């Protein structure tokens, strides 16, 4: 189990009476096993019509936190887009809302008469 300068790590492999005691770790692969030839390794084959069959995609469910974050982001983007359109003059600014607190500011001259 000590590293050698030219060969790597020394590993004892029990492959029969004719096995050399100075075998390296690289020699311990499946191809060098005496049972590897006895195992049948089938070639993977795609079933007929596998290209035509479409697997239905499962819907992605969001957590409450993710849904809130996405909703908040889309609302913010939509509001920023609306403000940009108003700033560029592509859209008219909405009329100020009439409330009891800003009644005089909104109506102006009409409130006096």
Protein backbone atom coordinates (compact mmCIF):
# COMPACT_ATOMS: atom_id res chain seq x y z
CA UNK A 1 0.00 0.00 0.00
CA UNK A 2 2.91 2.36 -0.48
CA UNK A 3 3.08 4.57 -3.57
CA UNK A 4 5.74 3.61 -6.09
CA UNK A 5 7.56 6.16 -8.27
CA UNK A 6 6.65 4.61 -11.61
CA UNK A 7 3.50 2.56 -11.16
CA UNK A 8 1.13 4.08 -8.66
CA UNK A 9 -0.49 2.38 -5.69
CA UNK A 10 0.24 -1.30 -5.08
CA UNK A 11 -2.88 -3.45 -4.74
CA UNK A 12 -3.06 -7.18 -4.23
CA UNK A 13 -5.58 -8.70 -6.63
CA UNK A 14 -6.68 -12.26 -6.13
CA UNK A 15 -7.08 -13.50 -9.70
CA UNK A 16 -5.79 -17.02 -9.21
CA UNK A 17 -2.57 -18.84 -8.58
CA UNK A 18 -0.74 -17.21 -11.51
CA UNK A 19 -1.43 -13.64 -10.31
CA UNK A 20 1.57 -11.41 -9.92
CA UNK A 21 1.99 -9.79 -6.52
CA UNK A 22 3.08 -6.46 -8.04
CA UNK A 23 -0.24 -5.66 -9.81
CA UNK A 24 -1.31 -2.00 -9.76
CA UNK A 25 -4.71 -0.48 -9.02
CA UNK A 26 -5.33 0.14 -12.74
CA UNK A 27 -5.28 -3.63 -13.34
CA UNK A 28 -8.31 -4.10 -11.06
CA UNK A 29 -10.94 -3.18 -13.67
CA UNK A 30 -13.97 -5.26 -14.64
CA UNK A 31 -12.45 -6.32 -17.96
CA UNK A 32 -9.61 -8.04 -16.09
CA UNK A 33 -12.05 -10.01 -13.91
CA UNK A 34 -12.40 -13.68 -14.74
CA UNK A 35 -16.21 -13.45 -14.45
CA UNK A 36 -16.67 -10.47 -16.77
CA UNK A 37 -16.84 -12.69 -19.87
CA UNK A 38 -19.59 -14.80 -18.32
CA UNK A 39 -22.01 -11.88 -17.74
CA UNK A 40 -24.30 -10.93 -20.62
CA UNK A 41 -24.24 -7.17 -21.25
CA UNK A 42 -27.19 -6.30 -23.54
CA UNK A 43 -26.96 -3.31 -25.86
CA UNK A 44 -29.47 -0.62 -24.85
CA UNK A 45 -32.18 -0.29 -27.52
CA UNK A 46 -34.87 2.38 -27.78
CA UNK A 47 -38.39 0.92 -28.05
CA UNK A 48 -40.29 1.33 -31.33
CA UNK A 49 -42.20 4.58 -31.53
CA UNK A 50 -40.30 6.15 -28.63
CA UNK A 51 -39.69 9.26 -30.73
CA UNK A 52 -43.42 9.76 -31.41
CA UNK A 53 -44.68 9.21 -27.86
CA UNK A 54 -44.76 12.47 -26.00
CA UNK A 55 -44.42 12.29 -22.24
CA UNK A 56 -46.88 14.68 -20.58
CA UNK A 57 -45.06 17.40 -18.70
CA UNK A 58 -45.93 17.68 -15.04
CA UNK A 59 -47.06 21.12 -13.89
CA UNK A 60 -44.63 23.06 -11.74
CA UNK A 61 -46.18 24.12 -8.46
CA UNK A 62 -44.78 27.17 -6.71
CA UNK A 63 -44.60 27.68 -2.99
CA UNK A 64 -46.60 30.55 -1.47
CA UNK A 65 -43.42 32.56 -1.03
CA UNK A 66 -42.39 32.07 -4.68
CA UNK A 67 -45.87 32.91 -5.96
CA UNK A 68 -45.96 36.12 -3.90
CA UNK A 69 -42.48 37.12 -5.12
CA UNK A 70 -43.35 36.53 -8.78
CA UNK A 71 -46.67 38.40 -8.45
CA UNK A 72 -44.91 41.31 -6.76
CA UNK A 73 -42.24 41.45 -9.50
CA UNK A 74 -44.76 41.37 -12.36
CA UNK A 75 -46.90 44.09 -10.76
CA UNK A 76 -43.80 46.26 -10.24
CA UNK A 77 -42.67 45.76 -13.86
CA UNK A 78 -46.17 46.57 -15.17
CA UNK A 79 -46.34 49.76 -13.05
CA UNK A 80 -42.85 50.88 -14.15
CA UNK A 81 -43.79 50.29 -17.80
CA UNK A 82 -46.95 52.38 -17.35
CA UNK A 83 -44.95 55.20 -15.73
CA UNK A 84 -42.39 55.12 -18.56
CA UNK A 85 -45.17 55.37 -21.17
CA UNK A 86 -46.63 58.37 -19.34
CA UNK A 87 -43.17 60.01 -19.16
CA UNK A 88 -42.62 59.49 -22.90
CA UNK A 89 -46.05 60.84 -23.73
CA UNK A 90 -47.34 57.61 -25.24
CA UNK A 91 -50.11 57.43 -22.67
CA UNK A 92 -52.13 60.07 -20.88
CA UNK A 93 -51.71 60.46 -17.14
CA UNK A 94 -54.73 59.24 -15.19
CA UNK A 95 -57.05 61.84 -13.70
CA UNK A 96 -56.47 62.48 -10.00
CA UNK A 97 -58.88 60.58 -7.78
CA UNK A 98 -61.53 62.61 -6.07
CA UNK A 99 -61.44 62.22 -2.29
CA UNK A 100 -62.76 64.37 0.48
CA UNK A 101 -59.20 65.29 1.55
CA UNK A 102 -58.12 66.59 -1.88
CA UNK A 103 -61.53 67.84 -3.02
CA UNK A 104 -60.40 71.48 -3.43
CA UNK A 105 -57.16 70.56 -5.24
CA UNK A 106 -58.85 68.33 -7.82
CA UNK A 107 -61.87 70.43 -8.67
CA UNK A 108 -60.17 73.81 -8.25
CA UNK A 109 -62.40 76.47 -9.83
CA UNK A 110 -65.47 74.25 -10.03
CA UNK A 111 -65.50 73.73 -6.23
CA UNK A 112 -65.83 77.48 -5.57
CA UNK A 113 -68.87 78.14 -7.72
